């Protein structure tokens, strides 16, 4: 006796294709997210890699003009190497007034040139790069390098770096904090990162 053909389910292949596309889409979204994170960390790493270049630059400048470093000559009261302008005040980088790399300069003129040239250098190395320089020859020159990090976020909003504590520097609780805190004098807004170093010329 002739058997009628069995009915087969239709549309199974289409459903499998749609599921496969869904899985592929989720995978691609994951890859894109990973790539975005990778780019974000590359930008942060590039800024941090620039820190050593900027630190080496100012260290060499201080050593080559030691008589103007605060604490070397007590008759020098207003050394240009004491630079404590706020973050906002450093938005505009001053043009170099006298290029001491090509002309003869006095120690004071050399110090002024060093700060202007160094600030320009830091600005090119890091996003809105800014500086803070304080201290003296005996206790060391405190160098703070600052830059704007648009990915310095917390809960989707720019966060503020901690302000440097006033407790003694040998305080164990503050030792790690001092590496990335921002000095009170710079009045750093949200999104600004700071890195602190001590240089002994």
Protein backbone atom coordinates (compact mmCIF):
# COMPACT_ATOMS: atom_id res chain seq x y z
CA UNK A 1 0.00 0.00 0.00
CA UNK A 2 1.35 3.42 -0.94
CA UNK A 3 2.36 5.55 2.09
CA UNK A 4 1.75 9.31 1.88
CA UNK A 5 4.92 11.39 2.21
CA UNK A 6 5.69 12.54 5.75
CA UNK A 7 5.41 16.22 6.46
CA UNK A 8 8.73 17.82 7.46
CA UNK A 9 9.18 20.87 9.64
CA UNK A 10 9.91 23.96 7.58
CA UNK A 11 11.95 27.01 8.61
CA UNK A 12 14.46 25.16 10.79
CA UNK A 13 17.39 26.31 8.64
CA UNK A 14 16.28 29.94 8.86
CA UNK A 15 16.09 29.78 12.67
CA UNK A 16 19.58 28.25 12.83
CA UNK A 17 20.94 31.04 10.64
CA UNK A 18 19.31 33.70 12.82
CA UNK A 19 20.73 32.14 16.00
CA UNK A 20 24.17 31.95 14.38
CA UNK A 21 23.95 35.62 13.39
CA UNK A 22 22.95 36.54 16.95
CA UNK A 23 25.91 34.68 18.40
CA UNK A 24 28.25 36.23 15.82
CA UNK A 25 26.91 39.72 16.61
CA UNK A 26 27.48 39.23 20.34
CA UNK A 27 31.00 38.02 19.61
CA UNK A 28 31.74 41.06 17.43
CA UNK A 29 30.41 43.40 20.13
CA UNK A 30 32.74 41.74 22.62
CA UNK A 31 35.70 42.18 20.26
CA UNK A 32 34.83 45.86 19.72
CA UNK A 33 34.58 46.42 23.47
CA UNK A 34 37.95 44.76 23.97
CA UNK A 35 39.49 46.91 21.25
CA UNK A 36 38.06 50.08 22.82
CA UNK A 37 39.56 49.12 26.17
CA UNK A 38 42.87 48.37 24.49
CA UNK A 39 42.98 51.81 22.87
CA UNK A 40 42.07 53.40 26.19
CA UNK A 41 44.94 51.68 28.00
CA UNK A 42 47.34 52.51 25.15
CA UNK A 43 46.60 56.23 25.55
CA UNK A 44 47.14 55.98 29.31
CA UNK A 45 50.35 54.00 28.84
CA UNK A 46 51.68 56.54 26.35
CA UNK A 47 51.12 59.36 28.85
CA UNK A 48 52.83 57.41 31.62
CA UNK A 49 55.73 56.51 29.34
CA UNK A 50 56.23 60.23 28.73
CA UNK A 51 56.73 60.87 32.44
CA UNK A 52 60.31 59.59 32.44
CA UNK A 53 61.16 61.76 29.42
CA UNK A 54 59.77 64.91 31.08
CA UNK A 55 61.44 64.07 34.40
CA UNK A 56 64.80 63.49 32.75
CA UNK A 57 64.44 66.79 30.89
CA UNK A 58 63.95 68.94 34.00
CA UNK A 59 66.60 67.00 35.94
CA UNK A 60 69.22 67.85 33.30
CA UNK A 61 68.13 71.48 33.23
CA UNK A 62 68.42 71.82 37.01
CA UNK A 63 71.87 70.24 37.09
CA UNK A 64 73.18 72.46 34.31
CA UNK A 65 72.12 75.65 36.15
CA UNK A 66 72.68 74.61 39.75
CA UNK A 67 73.28 78.13 41.09
CA UNK A 68 69.62 78.99 40.44
CA UNK A 69 68.18 75.93 42.16
CA UNK A 70 66.48 77.04 45.41
CA UNK A 71 68.72 76.42 48.41
CA UNK A 72 72.03 76.64 46.53
CA UNK A 73 72.51 80.38 46.92
CA UNK A 74 70.58 81.93 49.79
CA UNK A 75 70.72 85.35 48.09
CA UNK A 76 68.46 84.00 45.32
CA UNK A 77 64.93 84.47 46.67
CA UNK A 78 62.71 84.20 43.59
CA UNK A 79 64.08 81.41 41.45
CA UNK A 80 62.13 80.64 38.26
CA UNK A 81 62.66 76.99 39.17
CA UNK A 82 59.98 77.42 41.83
CA UNK A 83 56.93 77.09 39.59
CA UNK A 84 53.57 76.63 41.32
CA UNK A 85 50.98 78.02 38.90
CA UNK A 86 47.48 76.53 39.03
CA UNK A 87 46.21 74.08 36.42
CA UNK A 88 43.93 76.74 34.92
CA UNK A 89 46.76 79.28 34.69
CA UNK A 90 48.75 76.80 32.62
CA UNK A 91 46.12 76.45 29.90
CA UNK A 92 48.11 78.93 27.84
CA UNK A 93 51.78 78.06 27.47
CA UNK A 94 53.97 81.16 27.32
CA UNK A 95 56.17 81.63 24.32
CA UNK A 96 59.89 81.36 24.96
CA UNK A 97 61.05 84.93 25.67
CA UNK A 98 64.75 84.33 25.10
CA UNK A 99 66.16 81.20 23.50
CA UNK A 100 69.16 80.37 25.65
CA UNK A 101 70.02 77.40 23.46
CA UNK A 102 71.25 79.80 20.78
CA UNK A 103 72.22 82.93 22.75
CA UNK A 104 74.25 83.68 25.85
CA UNK A 105 72.09 84.04 28.96
CA UNK A 106 72.55 84.88 32.62
CA UNK A 107 71.70 82.12 35.13
CA UNK A 108 68.34 83.80 35.80
CA UNK A 109 67.53 84.06 32.11
CA UNK A 110 68.58 80.45 31.68
CA UNK A 111 66.24 79.34 34.48
CA UNK A 112 63.33 81.26 32.93
CA UNK A 113 64.06 79.71 29.55
CA UNK A 114 64.29 76.24 31.09
CA UNK A 115 60.85 76.50 32.67
CA UNK A 116 59.25 77.88 29.50
CA UNK A 117 60.88 75.26 27.27
CA UNK A 118 60.10 72.46 29.72
CA UNK A 119 56.44 73.44 29.99
CA UNK A 120 56.17 73.48 26.21
CA UNK A 121 57.81 70.06 26.06
CA UNK A 122 55.46 68.58 28.66
CA UNK A 123 52.44 70.03 26.83
CA UNK A 124 53.48 68.19 23.65
CA UNK A 125 54.17 64.94 25.50
CA UNK A 126 50.83 64.60 27.34
CA UNK A 127 47.23 65.82 26.87
CA UNK A 128 47.13 69.35 28.35
CA UNK A 129 50.36 68.48 30.15
CA UNK A 130 51.14 70.80 33.07
CA UNK A 131 53.78 71.00 35.78
CA UNK A 132 54.48 71.97 39.36
CA UNK A 133 57.99 72.45 40.72
CA UNK A 134 58.86 73.18 44.34
CA UNK A 135 61.36 72.28 47.05
CA UNK A 136 65.06 73.02 47.34
CA UNK A 137 68.51 71.58 46.86
CA UNK A 138 68.68 70.13 50.39
CA UNK A 139 65.36 68.31 50.58
CA UNK A 140 65.06 67.67 46.85
CA UNK A 141 63.02 69.30 44.12
CA UNK A 142 59.43 68.07 44.07
CA UNK A 143 58.29 67.54 40.49
CA UNK A 144 54.59 67.07 39.73
CA UNK A 145 53.55 66.18 36.19
CA UNK A 146 49.87 66.54 35.34
CA UNK A 147 47.73 65.61 32.36
CA UNK A 148 44.06 65.37 31.45
CA UNK A 149 42.69 61.84 31.12
CA UNK A 150 39.19 61.69 29.62
CA UNK A 151 38.97 58.05 30.74
CA UNK A 152 39.62 58.89 34.41
CA UNK A 153 36.04 57.94 35.18
CA UNK A 154 33.99 56.73 38.11
CA UNK A 155 30.35 55.83 37.52
CA UNK A 156 30.52 57.42 34.07
CA UNK A 157 31.72 60.79 35.38
CA UNK A 158 35.19 62.31 35.54
CA UNK A 159 36.70 61.75 38.95
CA UNK A 160 39.10 63.94 40.89
CA UNK A 161 42.57 62.85 41.90
CA UNK A 162 43.25 62.87 45.66
CA UNK A 163 44.79 66.02 47.11
CA UNK A 164 48.24 65.54 48.63
CA UNK A 165 48.07 65.15 52.42
CA UNK A 166 49.78 67.57 54.78
CA UNK A 167 50.99 64.79 57.11
CA UNK A 168 54.75 64.05 57.19
CA UNK A 169 56.06 62.38 54.06
CA UNK A 170 57.37 59.39 56.00
CA UNK A 171 53.83 58.55 57.11
CA UNK A 172 53.28 54.97 55.87
CA UNK A 173 49.58 55.58 55.26
CA UNK A 174 50.36 58.44 52.87
CA UNK A 175 53.42 57.08 51.11
CA UNK A 176 51.53 55.40 48.24
CA UNK A 177 49.03 58.24 48.01
CA UNK A 178 51.82 60.78 47.47
CA UNK A 179 52.80 59.13 44.20
CA UNK A 180 49.56 60.11 42.44
CA UNK A 181 48.05 62.93 44.49
CA UNK A 182 47.73 66.49 43.19
CA UNK A 183 49.24 69.38 45.20
CA UNK A 184 46.68 71.70 46.75
CA UNK A 185 48.25 74.71 45.02
CA UNK A 186 47.46 73.49 41.49
CA UNK A 187 43.69 73.25 42.12
CA UNK A 188 43.38 70.36 39.66
CA UNK A 189 39.84 69.85 38.30
CA UNK A 190 38.15 66.49 37.72
CA UNK A 191 39.80 64.35 35.07
CA UNK A 192 43.35 65.45 35.88
CA UNK A 193 45.93 62.86 36.86
CA UNK A 194 49.12 63.71 38.76
CA UNK A 195 52.43 61.92 39.18
CA UNK A 196 54.95 63.08 41.80
CA UNK A 197 58.71 62.65 41.84
CA UNK A 198 61.65 64.00 43.84
CA UNK A 199 64.83 65.05 42.07
CA UNK A 200 68.16 65.70 43.80
CA UNK A 201 70.20 67.84 41.36
